[in-house]
Amino acid sequence: MSGIIPTDKKQLRACLLCSLIKKQDQFFRSGCDNCESLLGMKGVMDRVMDCTSQHFDGAIAVMQPSESWVAKWQRIDKFEKGIYAVQVQGTLPEDIEDELEAKGIKYRPRDGSARD
């Protein structure tokens, strides 16, 4: 768990796909705990910068995602425990969206613009 939770508030970023909050260097060192197999951020700083945003609102600490109504409401109930942004400003680059679509994954921006 210590690798997931940021150690301070400097250089925090949120994943644009799942909204997990980590420090920039944590994303670089280990990628996203939920999306690494899809986004491939580990060890690629350009990818970290493309797939995360430093502009996000709110934070939710989730310890038992599958049992949390807040996690279900935020659509993070199938993700790893950690700290998640309520909303993340920005969207994935079009080429990354295309990669996700080719894998059968529909990208939903986490900025509140997507509606059911």
PDB file of N, CA and C in Angstrom:
ATOM      1  N   MET A   1       0.832  -1.204   0.000  1.00  0.00           N
ATOM      2  CA  MET A   1       0.000   0.000   0.000  1.00  0.00           C
ATOM      3  C   MET A   1       0.867   1.255   0.000  1.00  0.00           C
ATOM      4  N   SER A   2       2.064   1.183   0.585  1.00  0.00           N
ATOM      5  CA  SER A   2       2.903   2.369   0.667  1.00  0.00           C
ATOM      6  C   SER A   2       3.332   2.868  -0.706  1.00  0.00           C
ATOM      7  N   GLY A   3       3.381   2.003  -1.720  1.00  0.00           N
ATOM      8  CA  GLY A   3       3.749   2.416  -3.061  1.00  0.00           C
ATOM      9  C   GLY A   3       2.636   3.142  -3.781  1.00  0.00           C
ATOM     10  N   ILE A   4       1.416   3.035  -3.279  1.00  0.00           N
ATOM     11  CA  ILE A   4       0.271   3.648  -3.942  1.00  0.00           C
ATOM     12  C   ILE A   4       0.003   5.045  -3.407  1.00  0.00           C
ATOM     13  N   ILE A   5       0.081   5.217  -2.103  1.00  0.00           N
ATOM     14  CA  ILE A   5      -0.266   6.493  -1.482  1.00  0.00           C
ATOM     15  C   ILE A   5       0.869   7.489  -1.638  1.00  0.00           C
ATOM     16  N   PRO A   6       0.574   8.695  -2.148  1.00  0.00           N
ATOM     17  CA  PRO A   6       1.607   9.718  -2.286  1.00  0.00           C
ATOM     18  C   PRO A   6       2.170  10.109  -0.929  1.00  0.00           C
ATOM     19  N   THR A   7       3.468  10.388  -0.884  1.00  0.00           N
ATOM     20  CA  THR A   7       4.126  10.728   0.376  1.00  0.00           C
ATOM     21  C   THR A   7       4.002  12.208   0.723  1.00  0.00           C
ATOM     22  N   ASP A   8       3.750  13.062  -0.252  1.00  0.00           N
ATOM     23  CA  ASP A   8       3.483  14.482   0.000  1.00  0.00           C
ATOM     24  C   ASP A   8       2.620  15.027  -1.133  1.00  0.00           C
ATOM     25  N   LYS A   9       2.313  16.327  -1.078  1.00  0.00           N
ATOM     26  CA  LYS A   9       1.376  16.907  -2.039  1.00  0.00           C
ATOM     27  C   LYS A   9       2.052  17.487  -3.281  1.00  0.00           C
ATOM     28  N   LYS A  10       3.362  17.417  -3.376  1.00  0.00           N
ATOM     29  CA  LYS A  10       4.071  17.987  -4.519  1.00  0.00           C
ATOM     30  C   LYS A  10       4.029  17.034  -5.706  1.00  0.00           C
ATOM     31  N   GLN A  11       3.839  17.585  -6.883  1.00  0.00           N
ATOM     32  CA  GLN A  11       3.850  16.854  -8.147  1.00  0.00           C
ATOM     33  C   GLN A  11       2.812  15.733  -8.217  1.00  0.00           C
ATOM     34  N   LEU A  12       1.646  15.955  -7.603  1.00  0.00           N
ATOM     35  CA  LEU A  12       0.580  14.965  -7.695  1.00  0.00           C
ATOM     36  C   LEU A  12      -0.064  15.026  -9.073  1.00  0.00           C
ATOM     37  N   ARG A  13      -0.412  13.858  -9.577  1.00  0.00           N
ATOM     38  CA  ARG A  13      -1.083  13.742 -10.866  1.00  0.00           C
ATOM     39  C   ARG A  13      -2.157  12.683 -10.740  1.00  0.00           C
ATOM     40  N   ALA A  14      -3.175  12.763 -11.580  1.00  0.00           N
ATOM     41  CA  ALA A  14      -4.251  11.775 -11.583  1.00  0.00           C
ATOM     42  C   ALA A  14      -4.300  11.108 -12.951  1.00  0.00           C
ATOM     43  N   CYS A  15      -4.476   9.805 -12.957  1.00  0.00           N
ATOM     44  CA  CYS A  15      -4.593   9.047 -14.201  1.00  0.00           C
ATOM     45  C   CYS A  15      -5.863   9.490 -14.930  1.00  0.00           C
ATOM     46  N   LEU A  16      -5.747   9.749 -16.220  1.00  0.00           N
ATOM     47  CA  LEU A  16      -6.896  10.189 -17.007  1.00  0.00           C
ATOM     48  C   LEU A  16      -7.872   9.062 -17.307  1.00  0.00           C
ATOM     49  N   LEU A  17      -7.447   7.812 -17.125  1.00  0.00           N
ATOM     50  CA  LEU A  17      -8.333   6.685 -17.390  1.00  0.00           C
ATOM     51  C   LEU A  17      -9.079   6.233 -16.142  1.00  0.00           C
ATOM     52  N   CYS A  18      -8.379   6.128 -14.991  1.00  0.00           N
ATOM     53  CA  CYS A  18      -9.030   5.610 -13.779  1.00  0.00           C
ATOM     54  C   CYS A  18      -9.125   6.623 -12.641  1.00  0.00           C
ATOM     55  N   SER A  19      -8.423   7.735 -12.715  1.00  0.00           N
ATOM     56  CA  SER A  19      -8.391   8.827 -11.740  1.00  0.00           C
ATOM     57  C   SER A  19      -7.554   8.548 -10.487  1.00  0.00           C
ATOM     58  N   LEU A  20      -6.728   7.502 -10.489  1.00  0.00           N
ATOM     59  CA  LEU A  20      -5.822   7.233  -9.363  1.00  0.00           C
ATOM     60  C   LEU A  20      -4.837   8.388  -9.222  1.00  0.00           C
ATOM     61  N   ILE A  21      -4.626   8.849  -7.998  1.00  0.00           N
ATOM     62  CA  ILE A  21      -3.692   9.944  -7.724  1.00  0.00           C
ATOM     63  C   ILE A  21      -2.390   9.367  -7.178  1.00  0.00           C
ATOM     64  N   LYS A  22      -1.297   9.753  -7.808  1.00  0.00           N
ATOM     65  CA  LYS A  22       0.042   9.391  -7.352  1.00  0.00           C
ATOM     66  C   LYS A  22       0.974  10.549  -7.702  1.00  0.00           C
ATOM     67  N   LYS A  23       2.184  10.498  -7.163  1.00  0.00           N
ATOM     68  CA  LYS A  23       3.189  11.474  -7.560  1.00  0.00           C
ATOM     69  C   LYS A  23       3.680  11.137  -8.961  1.00  0.00           C
ATOM     70  N   GLN A  24       4.152  12.145  -9.658  1.00  0.00           N
ATOM     71  CA  GLN A  24       4.655  11.947 -11.017  1.00  0.00           C
ATOM     72  C   GLN A  24       5.713  10.856 -11.062  1.00  0.00           C
ATOM     73  N   ASP A  25       6.652  10.874 -10.123  1.00  0.00           N
ATOM     74  CA  ASP A  25       7.716   9.860 -10.145  1.00  0.00           C
ATOM     75  C   ASP A  25       7.195   8.461  -9.805  1.00  0.00           C
ATOM     76  N   GLN A  26       6.086   8.358  -9.055  1.00  0.00           N
ATOM     77  CA  GLN A  26       5.486   7.048  -8.788  1.00  0.00           C
ATOM     78  C   GLN A  26       4.892   6.463 -10.066  1.00  0.00           C
ATOM     79  N   PHE A  27       4.219   7.307 -10.860  1.00  0.00           N
ATOM     80  CA  PHE A  27       3.709   6.834 -12.152  1.00  0.00           C
ATOM     81  C   PHE A  27       4.876   6.402 -13.041  1.00  0.00           C
ATOM     82  N   PHE A  28       5.967   7.171 -13.029  1.00  0.00           N
ATOM     83  CA  PHE A  28       7.124   6.847 -13.862  1.00  0.00           C
ATOM     84  C   PHE A  28       7.778   5.534 -13.418  1.00  0.00           C
ATOM     85  N   ARG A  29       7.928   5.356 -12.107  1.00  0.00           N
ATOM     86  CA  ARG A  29       8.599   4.151 -11.576  1.00  0.00           C
ATOM     87  C   ARG A  29       7.762   2.887 -11.731  1.00  0.00           C
ATOM     88  N   SER A  30       6.438   2.994 -11.478  1.00  0.00           N
ATOM     89  CA  SER A  30       5.642   1.761 -11.458  1.00  0.00           C
ATOM     90  C   SER A  30       4.396   1.796 -12.333  1.00  0.00           C
ATOM     91  N   GLY A  31       4.147   2.893 -13.029  1.00  0.00           N
ATOM     92  CA  GLY A  31       2.953   2.991 -13.860  1.00  0.00           C
ATOM     93  C   GLY A  31       1.705   3.156 -13.007  1.00  0.00           C
ATOM     94  N   CYS A  32       0.569   2.985 -13.631  1.00  0.00           N
ATOM     95  CA  CYS A  32      -0.709   3.072 -12.927  1.00  0.00           C
ATOM     96  C   CYS A  32      -1.089   1.684 -12.420  1.00  0.00           C
ATOM     97  N   ASP A  33      -1.479   1.602 -11.175  1.00  0.00           N
ATOM     98  CA  ASP A  33      -1.827   0.317 -10.563  1.00  0.00           C
ATOM     99  C   ASP A  33      -3.031  -0.349 -11.223  1.00  0.00           C
ATOM    100  N   ASN A  34      -3.866   0.428 -11.881  1.00  0.00           N
ATOM    101  CA  ASN A  34      -5.054  -0.106 -12.552  1.00  0.00           C
ATOM    102  C   ASN A  34      -4.879  -0.230 -14.065  1.00  0.00           C
ATOM    103  N   CYS A  35      -4.138   0.666 -14.661  1.00  0.00           N
ATOM    104  CA  CYS A  35      -4.143   0.819 -16.122  1.00  0.00           C
ATOM    105  C   CYS A  35      -2.816   0.516 -16.806  1.00  0.00           C
ATOM    106  N   GLU A  36      -1.836   0.033 -16.082  1.00  0.00           N
ATOM    107  CA  GLU A  36      -0.509  -0.146 -16.676  1.00  0.00           C
ATOM    108  C   GLU A  36      -0.538  -1.028 -17.916  1.00  0.00           C
ATOM    109  N   SER A  37      -1.311  -2.092 -17.889  1.00  0.00           N
ATOM    110  CA  SER A  37      -1.359  -2.991 -19.052  1.00  0.00           C
ATOM    111  C   SER A  37      -1.988  -2.313 -20.272  1.00  0.00           C
ATOM    112  N   LEU A  38      -2.751  -1.262 -20.034  1.00  0.00           N
ATOM    113  CA  LEU A  38      -3.403  -0.539 -21.130  1.00  0.00           C
ATOM    114  C   LEU A  38      -2.625   0.697 -21.576  1.00  0.00           C
ATOM    115  N   LEU A  39      -2.036   1.417 -20.623  1.00  0.00           N
ATOM    116  CA  LEU A  39      -1.408   2.698 -20.931  1.00  0.00           C
ATOM    117  C   LEU A  39       0.110   2.650 -21.018  1.00  0.00           C
ATOM    118  N   GLY A  40       0.749   1.707 -20.361  1.00  0.00           N
ATOM    119  CA  GLY A  40       2.197   1.553 -20.449  1.00  0.00           C
ATOM    120  C   GLY A  40       2.996   2.781 -20.039  1.00  0.00           C
ATOM    121  N   MET A  41       2.714   3.326 -18.855  1.00  0.00           N
ATOM    122  CA  MET A  41       3.414   4.520 -18.386  1.00  0.00           C
ATOM    123  C   MET A  41       4.756   4.215 -17.731  1.00  0.00           C
ATOM    124  N   LYS A  42       4.932   3.031 -17.224  1.00  0.00           N
ATOM    125  CA  LYS A  42       6.133   2.677 -16.452  1.00  0.00           C
ATOM    126  C   LYS A  42       7.402   2.927 -17.266  1.00  0.00           C
ATOM    127  N   GLY A  43       8.241   3.835 -16.753  1.00  0.00           N
ATOM    128  CA  GLY A  43       9.527   4.127 -17.365  1.00  0.00           C
ATOM    129  C   GLY A  43       9.479   5.027 -18.591  1.00  0.00           C
ATOM    130  N   VAL A  44       8.312   5.587 -18.919  1.00  0.00           N
ATOM    131  CA  VAL A  44       8.175   6.433 -20.115  1.00  0.00           C
ATOM    132  C   VAL A  44       7.541   7.771 -19.698  1.00  0.00           C
ATOM    133  N   MET A  45       8.389   8.776 -19.441  1.00  0.00           N
ATOM    134  CA  MET A  45       7.896  10.054 -18.919  1.00  0.00           C
ATOM    135  C   MET A  45       6.911  10.734 -19.871  1.00  0.00           C
ATOM    136  N   ASP A  46       7.141  10.654 -21.185  1.00  0.00           N
ATOM    137  CA  ASP A  46       6.186  11.255 -22.122  1.00  0.00           C
ATOM    138  C   ASP A  46       4.805  10.636 -21.966  1.00  0.00           C
ATOM    139  N   ARG A  47       4.762   9.337 -21.754  1.00  0.00           N
ATOM    140  CA  ARG A  47       3.484   8.635 -21.587  1.00  0.00           C
ATOM    141  C   ARG A  47       2.829   9.052 -20.269  1.00  0.00           C
ATOM    142  N   VAL A  48       3.627   9.210 -19.216  1.00  0.00           N
ATOM    143  CA  VAL A  48       3.102   9.679 -17.926  1.00  0.00           C
ATOM    144  C   VAL A  48       2.451  11.050 -18.108  1.00  0.00           C
ATOM    145  N   MET A  49       3.116  11.935 -18.825  1.00  0.00           N
ATOM    146  CA  MET A  49       2.586  13.286 -19.014  1.00  0.00           C
ATOM    147  C   MET A  49       1.327  13.282 -19.886  1.00  0.00           C
ATOM    148  N   ASP A  50       1.258  12.366 -20.866  1.00  0.00           N
ATOM    149  CA  ASP A  50       0.087  12.275 -21.736  1.00  0.00           C
ATOM    150  C   ASP A  50      -1.119  11.641 -21.045  1.00  0.00           C
ATOM    151  N   CYS A  51      -0.865  10.699 -20.144  1.00  0.00           N
ATOM    152  CA  CYS A  51      -1.946   9.890 -19.567  1.00  0.00           C
ATOM    153  C   CYS A  51      -2.355  10.313 -18.162  1.00  0.00           C
ATOM    154  N   THR A  52      -1.745  11.377 -17.638  1.00  0.00           N
ATOM    155  CA  THR A  52      -2.114  11.885 -16.318  1.00  0.00           C
ATOM    156  C   THR A  52      -2.303  13.393 -16.399  1.00  0.00           C
ATOM    157  N   SER A  53      -2.930  13.952 -15.378  1.00  0.00           N
ATOM    158  CA  SER A  53      -3.147  15.393 -15.317  1.00  0.00           C
ATOM    159  C   SER A  53      -2.870  15.894 -13.909  1.00  0.00           C
ATOM    160  N   GLN A  54      -2.283  17.070 -13.826  1.00  0.00           N
ATOM    161  CA  GLN A  54      -2.081  17.680 -12.510  1.00  0.00           C
ATOM    162  C   GLN A  54      -3.287  18.497 -12.075  1.00  0.00           C
ATOM    163  N   HIS A  55      -4.287  18.580 -12.935  1.00  0.00           N
ATOM    164  CA  HIS A  55      -5.499  19.346 -12.646  1.00  0.00           C
ATOM    165  C   HIS A  55      -6.649  18.392 -12.334  1.00  0.00           C
ATOM    166  N   PHE A  56      -6.969  18.297 -11.055  1.00  0.00           N
ATOM    167  CA  PHE A  56      -8.065  17.430 -10.629  1.00  0.00           C
ATOM    168  C   PHE A  56      -8.751  18.041  -9.422  1.00  0.00           C
ATOM    169  N   ASP A  57      -9.984  17.613  -9.183  1.00  0.00           N
ATOM    170  CA  ASP A  57     -10.779  18.135  -8.069  1.00  0.00           C
ATOM    171  C   ASP A  57     -11.101  17.009  -7.103  1.00  0.00           C
ATOM    172  N   GLY A  58     -10.977  17.305  -5.819  1.00  0.00           N
ATOM    173  CA  GLY A  58     -11.367  16.374  -4.778  1.00  0.00           C
ATOM    174  C   GLY A  58     -10.486  15.144  -4.716  1.00  0.00           C
ATOM    175  N   ALA A  59     -10.588  14.443  -3.617  1.00  0.00           N
ATOM    176  CA  ALA A  59      -9.835  13.199  -3.436  1.00  0.00           C
ATOM    177  C   ALA A  59     -10.658  12.254  -2.573  1.00  0.00           C
ATOM    178  N   ILE A  60     -10.645  10.989  -2.962  1.00  0.00           N
ATOM    179  CA  ILE A  60     -11.370   9.949  -2.234  1.00  0.00           C
ATOM    180  C   ILE A  60     -10.371   8.867  -1.866  1.00  0.00           C
ATOM    181  N   ALA A  61     -10.279   8.553  -0.584  1.00  0.00           N
ATOM    182  CA  ALA A  61      -9.441   7.437  -0.146  1.00  0.00           C
ATOM    183  C   ALA A  61     -10.312   6.185  -0.137  1.00  0.00           C
ATOM    184  N   VAL A  62      -9.910   5.185  -0.915  1.00  0.00           N
ATOM    185  CA  VAL A  62     -10.698   3.961  -1.035  1.00  0.00           C
ATOM    186  C   VAL A  62      -9.867   2.785  -0.529  1.00  0.00           C
ATOM    187  N   MET A  63     -10.356   2.143   0.527  1.00  0.00           N
ATOM    188  CA  MET A  63      -9.647   1.007   1.117  1.00  0.00           C
ATOM    189  C   MET A  63     -10.262  -0.326   0.706  1.00  0.00           C
ATOM    190  N   GLN A  64     -11.575  -0.362   0.507  1.00  0.00           N
ATOM    191  CA  GLN A  64     -12.275  -1.579   0.090  1.00  0.00           C
ATOM    192  C   GLN A  64     -13.182  -1.223  -1.085  1.00  0.00           C
ATOM    193  N   PRO A  65     -12.587  -1.103  -2.268  1.00  0.00           N
ATOM    194  CA  PRO A  65     -13.350  -0.615  -3.425  1.00  0.00           C
ATOM    195  C   PRO A  65     -14.632  -1.394  -3.711  1.00  0.00           C
ATOM    196  N   SER A  66     -14.599  -2.701  -3.599  1.00  0.00           N
ATOM    197  CA  SER A  66     -15.776  -3.496  -3.960  1.00  0.00           C
ATOM    198  C   SER A  66     -16.928  -3.336  -2.965  1.00  0.00           C
ATOM    199  N   GLU A  67     -16.661  -2.812  -1.773  1.00  0.00           N
ATOM    200  CA  GLU A  67     -17.689  -2.651  -0.752  1.00  0.00           C
ATOM    201  C   GLU A  67     -18.123  -1.203  -0.545  1.00  0.00           C
ATOM    202  N   SER A  68     -17.542  -0.293  -1.286  1.00  0.00           N
ATOM    203  CA  SER A  68     -17.797   1.127  -1.080  1.00  0.00           C
ATOM    204  C   SER A  68     -18.847   1.672  -2.047  1.00  0.00           C
ATOM    205  N   TRP A  69     -19.892   2.307  -1.511  1.00  0.00           N
ATOM    206  CA  TRP A  69     -20.897   2.907  -2.392  1.00  0.00           C
ATOM    207  C   TRP A  69     -20.307   4.100  -3.129  1.00  0.00           C
ATOM    208  N   VAL A  70     -19.374   4.810  -2.498  1.00  0.00           N
ATOM    209  CA  VAL A  70     -18.725   5.943  -3.159  1.00  0.00           C
ATOM    210  C   VAL A  70     -17.892   5.445  -4.342  1.00  0.00           C
ATOM    211  N   ALA A  71     -17.186   4.342  -4.150  1.00  0.00           N
ATOM    212  CA  ALA A  71     -16.394   3.763  -5.240  1.00  0.00           C
ATOM    213  C   ALA A  71     -17.302   3.332  -6.393  1.00  0.00           C
ATOM    214  N   LYS A  72     -18.456   2.763  -6.070  1.00  0.00           N
ATOM    215  CA  LYS A  72     -19.404   2.372  -7.122  1.00  0.00           C
ATOM    216  C   LYS A  72     -19.914   3.604  -7.864  1.00  0.00           C
ATOM    217  N   TRP A  73     -20.246   4.643  -7.141  1.00  0.00           N
ATOM    218  CA  TRP A  73     -20.742   5.887  -7.719  1.00  0.00           C
ATOM    219  C   TRP A  73     -19.687   6.519  -8.631  1.00  0.00           C
ATOM    220  N   GLN A  74     -18.412   6.431  -8.239  1.00  0.00           N
ATOM    221  CA  GLN A  74     -17.309   6.988  -9.027  1.00  0.00           C
ATOM    222  C   GLN A  74     -16.805   6.014 -10.096  1.00  0.00           C
ATOM    223  N   ARG A  75     -17.377   4.831 -10.131  1.00  0.00           N
ATOM    224  CA  ARG A  75     -16.968   3.778 -11.075  1.00  0.00           C
ATOM    225  C   ARG A  75     -15.511   3.373 -10.898  1.00  0.00           C
ATOM    226  N   ILE A  76     -15.114   3.246  -9.637  1.00  0.00           N
ATOM    227  CA  ILE A  76     -13.763   2.786  -9.325  1.00  0.00           C
ATOM    228  C   ILE A  76     -13.813   1.548  -8.426  1.00  0.00           C
ATOM    229  N   ASP A  77     -14.980   0.914  -8.332  1.00  0.00           N
ATOM    230  CA  ASP A  77     -15.165  -0.216  -7.423  1.00  0.00           C
ATOM    231  C   ASP A  77     -14.438  -1.489  -7.871  1.00  0.00           C
ATOM    232  N   LYS A  78     -13.950  -1.529  -9.095  1.00  0.00           N
ATOM    233  CA  LYS A  78     -13.208  -2.701  -9.577  1.00  0.00           C
ATOM    234  C   LYS A  78     -11.702  -2.432  -9.587  1.00  0.00           C
ATOM    235  N   PHE A  79     -11.297  -1.260  -9.116  1.00  0.00           N
ATOM    236  CA  PHE A  79      -9.898  -0.855  -9.130  1.00  0.00           C
ATOM    237  C   PHE A  79      -9.197  -1.186  -7.818  1.00  0.00           C
ATOM    238  N   GLU A  80      -7.901  -0.941  -7.780  1.00  0.00           N
ATOM    239  CA  GLU A  80      -7.089  -1.163  -6.584  1.00  0.00           C
ATOM    240  C   GLU A  80      -7.419  -0.110  -5.528  1.00  0.00           C
ATOM    241  N   LYS A  81      -7.139  -0.436  -4.273  1.00  0.00           N
ATOM    242  CA  LYS A  81      -7.315   0.573  -3.228  1.00  0.00           C
ATOM    243  C   LYS A  81      -6.287   1.677  -3.435  1.00  0.00           C
ATOM    244  N   GLY A  82      -6.649   2.875  -3.014  1.00  0.00           N
ATOM    245  CA  GLY A  82      -5.765   4.022  -3.190  1.00  0.00           C
ATOM    246  C   GLY A  82      -6.524   5.323  -3.059  1.00  0.00           C
ATOM    247  N   ILE A  83      -5.912   6.398  -3.519  1.00  0.00           N
ATOM    248  CA  ILE A  83      -6.512   7.722  -3.472  1.00  0.00           C
ATOM    249  C   ILE A  83      -6.917   8.086  -4.906  1.00  0.00           C
ATOM    250  N   TYR A  84      -8.174   8.485  -5.077  1.00  0.00           N
ATOM    251  CA  TYR A  84      -8.717   8.777  -6.400  1.00  0.00           C
ATOM    252  C   TYR A  84      -9.268  10.192  -6.449  1.00  0.00           C
ATOM    253  N   ALA A  85      -9.134  10.826  -7.608  1.00  0.00           N
ATOM    254  CA  ALA A  85      -9.712  12.151  -7.824  1.00  0.00           C
ATOM    255  C   ALA A  85     -11.203  12.008  -8.100  1.00  0.00           C
ATOM    256  N   VAL A  86     -11.982  12.983  -7.652  1.00  0.00           N
ATOM    257  CA  VAL A  86     -13.412  13.007  -7.945  1.00  0.00           C
ATOM    258  C   VAL A  86     -13.607  13.325  -9.427  1.00  0.00           C
ATOM    259  N   GLN A  87     -12.882  14.319  -9.930  1.00  0.00           N
ATOM    260  CA  GLN A  87     -12.885  14.667 -11.350  1.00  0.00           C
ATOM    261  C   GLN A  87     -11.464  14.979 -11.775  1.00  0.00           C
ATOM    262  N   VAL A  88     -11.127  14.621 -13.011  1.00  0.00           N
ATOM    263  CA  VAL A  88      -9.805  14.898 -13.569  1.00  0.00           C
ATOM    264  C   VAL A  88      -9.991  15.727 -14.835  1.00  0.00           C
ATOM    265  N   GLN A  89      -9.338  16.877 -14.893  1.00  0.00           N
ATOM    266  CA  GLN A  89      -9.427  17.742 -16.068  1.00  0.00           C
ATOM    267  C   GLN A  89      -8.485  17.233 -17.154  1.00  0.00           C
ATOM    268  N   GLY A  90      -8.967  17.217 -18.370  1.00  0.00           N
ATOM    269  CA  GLY A  90      -8.156  16.782 -19.496  1.00  0.00           C
ATOM    270  C   GLY A  90      -8.666  15.476 -20.074  1.00  0.00           C
ATOM    271  N   THR A  91      -8.160  15.133 -21.244  1.00  0.00           N
ATOM    272  CA  THR A  91      -8.534  13.887 -21.906  1.00  0.00           C
ATOM    273  C   THR A  91      -7.290  13.230 -22.472  1.00  0.00           C
ATOM    274  N   LEU A  92      -7.388  11.943 -22.698  1.00  0.00           N
ATOM    275  CA  LEU A  92      -6.283  11.208 -23.303  1.00  0.00           C
ATOM    276  C   LEU A  92      -6.086  11.669 -24.738  1.00  0.00           C
ATOM    277  N   PRO A  93      -4.843  11.642 -25.227  1.00  0.00           N
ATOM    278  CA  PRO A  93      -4.606  11.970 -26.638  1.00  0.00           C
ATOM    279  C   PRO A  93      -5.364  11.001 -27.550  1.00  0.00           C
ATOM    280  N   GLU A  94      -5.710  11.466 -28.722  1.00  0.00           N
ATOM    281  CA  GLU A  94      -6.521  10.680 -29.647  1.00  0.00           C
ATOM    282  C   GLU A  94      -5.875   9.344 -30.008  1.00  0.00           C
ATOM    283  N   ASP A  95      -4.547   9.323 -30.179  1.00  0.00           N
ATOM    284  CA  ASP A  95      -3.887   8.060 -30.532  1.00  0.00           C
ATOM    285  C   ASP A  95      -4.012   7.029 -29.416  1.00  0.00           C
ATOM    286  N   ILE A  96      -4.000   7.476 -28.170  1.00  0.00           N
ATOM    287  CA  ILE A  96      -4.160   6.554 -27.046  1.00  0.00           C
ATOM    288  C   ILE A  96      -5.610   6.086 -26.962  1.00  0.00           C
ATOM    289  N   GLU A  97      -6.551   6.988 -27.227  1.00  0.00           N
ATOM    290  CA  GLU A  97      -7.966   6.591 -27.293  1.00  0.00           C
ATOM    291  C   GLU A  97      -8.159   5.516 -28.360  1.00  0.00           C
ATOM    292  N   ASP A  98      -7.501   5.689 -29.506  1.00  0.00           N
ATOM    293  CA  ASP A  98      -7.589   4.703 -30.586  1.00  0.00           C
ATOM    294  C   ASP A  98      -7.025   3.349 -30.153  1.00  0.00           C
ATOM    295  N   GLU A  99      -5.913   3.369 -29.402  1.00  0.00           N
ATOM    296  CA  GLU A  99      -5.324   2.129 -28.883  1.00  0.00           C
ATOM    297  C   GLU A  99      -6.312   1.414 -27.961  1.00  0.00           C
ATOM    298  N   LEU A 100      -6.966   2.181 -27.094  1.00  0.00           N
ATOM    299  CA  LEU A 100      -7.944   1.597 -26.175  1.00  0.00           C
ATOM    300  C   LEU A 100      -9.121   1.014 -26.945  1.00  0.00           C
ATOM    301  N   GLU A 101      -9.607   1.766 -27.936  1.00  0.00           N
ATOM    302  CA  GLU A 101     -10.731   1.299 -28.735  1.00  0.00           C
ATOM    303  C   GLU A 101     -10.391  -0.002 -29.462  1.00  0.00           C
ATOM    304  N   ALA A 102      -9.148  -0.108 -29.948  1.00  0.00           N
ATOM    305  CA  ALA A 102      -8.708  -1.332 -30.629  1.00  0.00           C
ATOM    306  C   ALA A 102      -8.697  -2.528 -29.675  1.00  0.00           C
ATOM    307  N   LYS A 103      -8.558  -2.246 -28.372  1.00  0.00           N
ATOM    308  CA  LYS A 103      -8.586  -3.303 -27.352  1.00  0.00           C
ATOM    309  C   LYS A 103      -9.998  -3.534 -26.815  1.00  0.00           C
ATOM    310  N   GLY A 104     -10.979  -2.835 -27.384  1.00  0.00           N
ATOM    311  CA  GLY A 104     -12.365  -3.006 -26.968  1.00  0.00           C
ATOM    312  C   GLY A 104     -12.749  -2.220 -25.730  1.00  0.00           C
ATOM    313  N   ILE A 105     -12.004  -1.177 -25.409  1.00  0.00           N
ATOM    314  CA  ILE A 105     -12.270  -0.381 -24.210  1.00  0.00           C
ATOM    315  C   ILE A 105     -12.781   0.993 -24.622  1.00  0.00           C
ATOM    316  N   LYS A 106     -13.959   1.355 -24.115  1.00  0.00           N
ATOM    317  CA  LYS A 106     -14.526   2.671 -24.400  1.00  0.00           C
ATOM    318  C   LYS A 106     -14.008   3.645 -23.352  1.00  0.00           C
ATOM    319  N   TYR A 107     -13.360   4.694 -23.803  1.00  0.00           N
ATOM    320  CA  TYR A 107     -12.806   5.710 -22.909  1.00  0.00           C
ATOM    321  C   TYR A 107     -13.897   6.680 -22.479  1.00  0.00           C
ATOM    322  N   ARG A 108     -14.016   6.870 -21.163  1.00  0.00           N
ATOM    323  CA  ARG A 108     -14.947   7.838 -20.583  1.00  0.00           C
ATOM    324  C   ARG A 108     -14.117   8.883 -19.846  1.00  0.00           C
ATOM    325  N   PRO A 109     -14.065  10.117 -20.353  1.00  0.00           N
ATOM    326  CA  PRO A 109     -13.315  11.153 -19.647  1.00  0.00           C
ATOM    327  C   PRO A 109     -13.812  11.284 -18.200  1.00  0.00           C
ATOM    328  N   ARG A 110     -12.912  11.577 -17.300  1.00  0.00           N
ATOM    329  CA  ARG A 110     -13.243  11.681 -15.884  1.00  0.00           C
ATOM    330  C   ARG A 110     -13.434  13.127 -15.442  1.00  0.00           C
ATOM    331  N   ASP A 111     -13.767  13.994 -16.406  1.00  0.00           N
ATOM    332  CA  ASP A 111     -13.960  15.397 -16.087  1.00  0.00           C
ATOM    333  C   ASP A 111     -15.418  15.781 -15.867  1.00  0.00           C
ATOM    334  N   GLY A 112     -16.301  14.791 -15.889  1.00  0.00           N
ATOM    335  CA  GLY A 112     -17.721  15.033 -15.664  1.00  0.00           C
ATOM    336  C   GLY A 112     -18.491  15.297 -16.944  1.00  0.00           C
ATOM    337  N   SER A 113     -17.811  15.298 -18.100  1.00  0.00           N
ATOM    338  CA  SER A 113     -18.502  15.586 -19.361  1.00  0.00           C
ATOM    339  C   SER A 113     -19.253  14.383 -19.920  1.00  0.00           C
ATOM    340  N   ALA A 114     -18.832  13.169 -19.572  1.00  0.00           N
ATOM    341  CA  ALA A 114     -19.493  11.959 -20.090  1.00  0.00           C
ATOM    342  C   ALA A 114     -20.791  11.729 -19.336  1.00  0.00           C
ATOM    343  N   ARG A 115     -21.832  11.461 -20.075  1.00  0.00           N
ATOM    344  CA  ARG A 115     -23.143  11.185 -19.480  1.00  0.00           C
ATOM    345  C   ARG A 115     -23.603   9.818 -19.908  1.00  0.00           C
ATOM    346  N   ASP A 116     -24.364   9.163 -19.044  1.00  0.00           N
ATOM    347  CA  ASP A 116     -24.901   7.832 -19.373  1.00  0.00           C
ATOM    348  C   ASP A 116     -26.090   7.936 -20.287  1.00  0.00           C
TER     349      ASP A 116
END
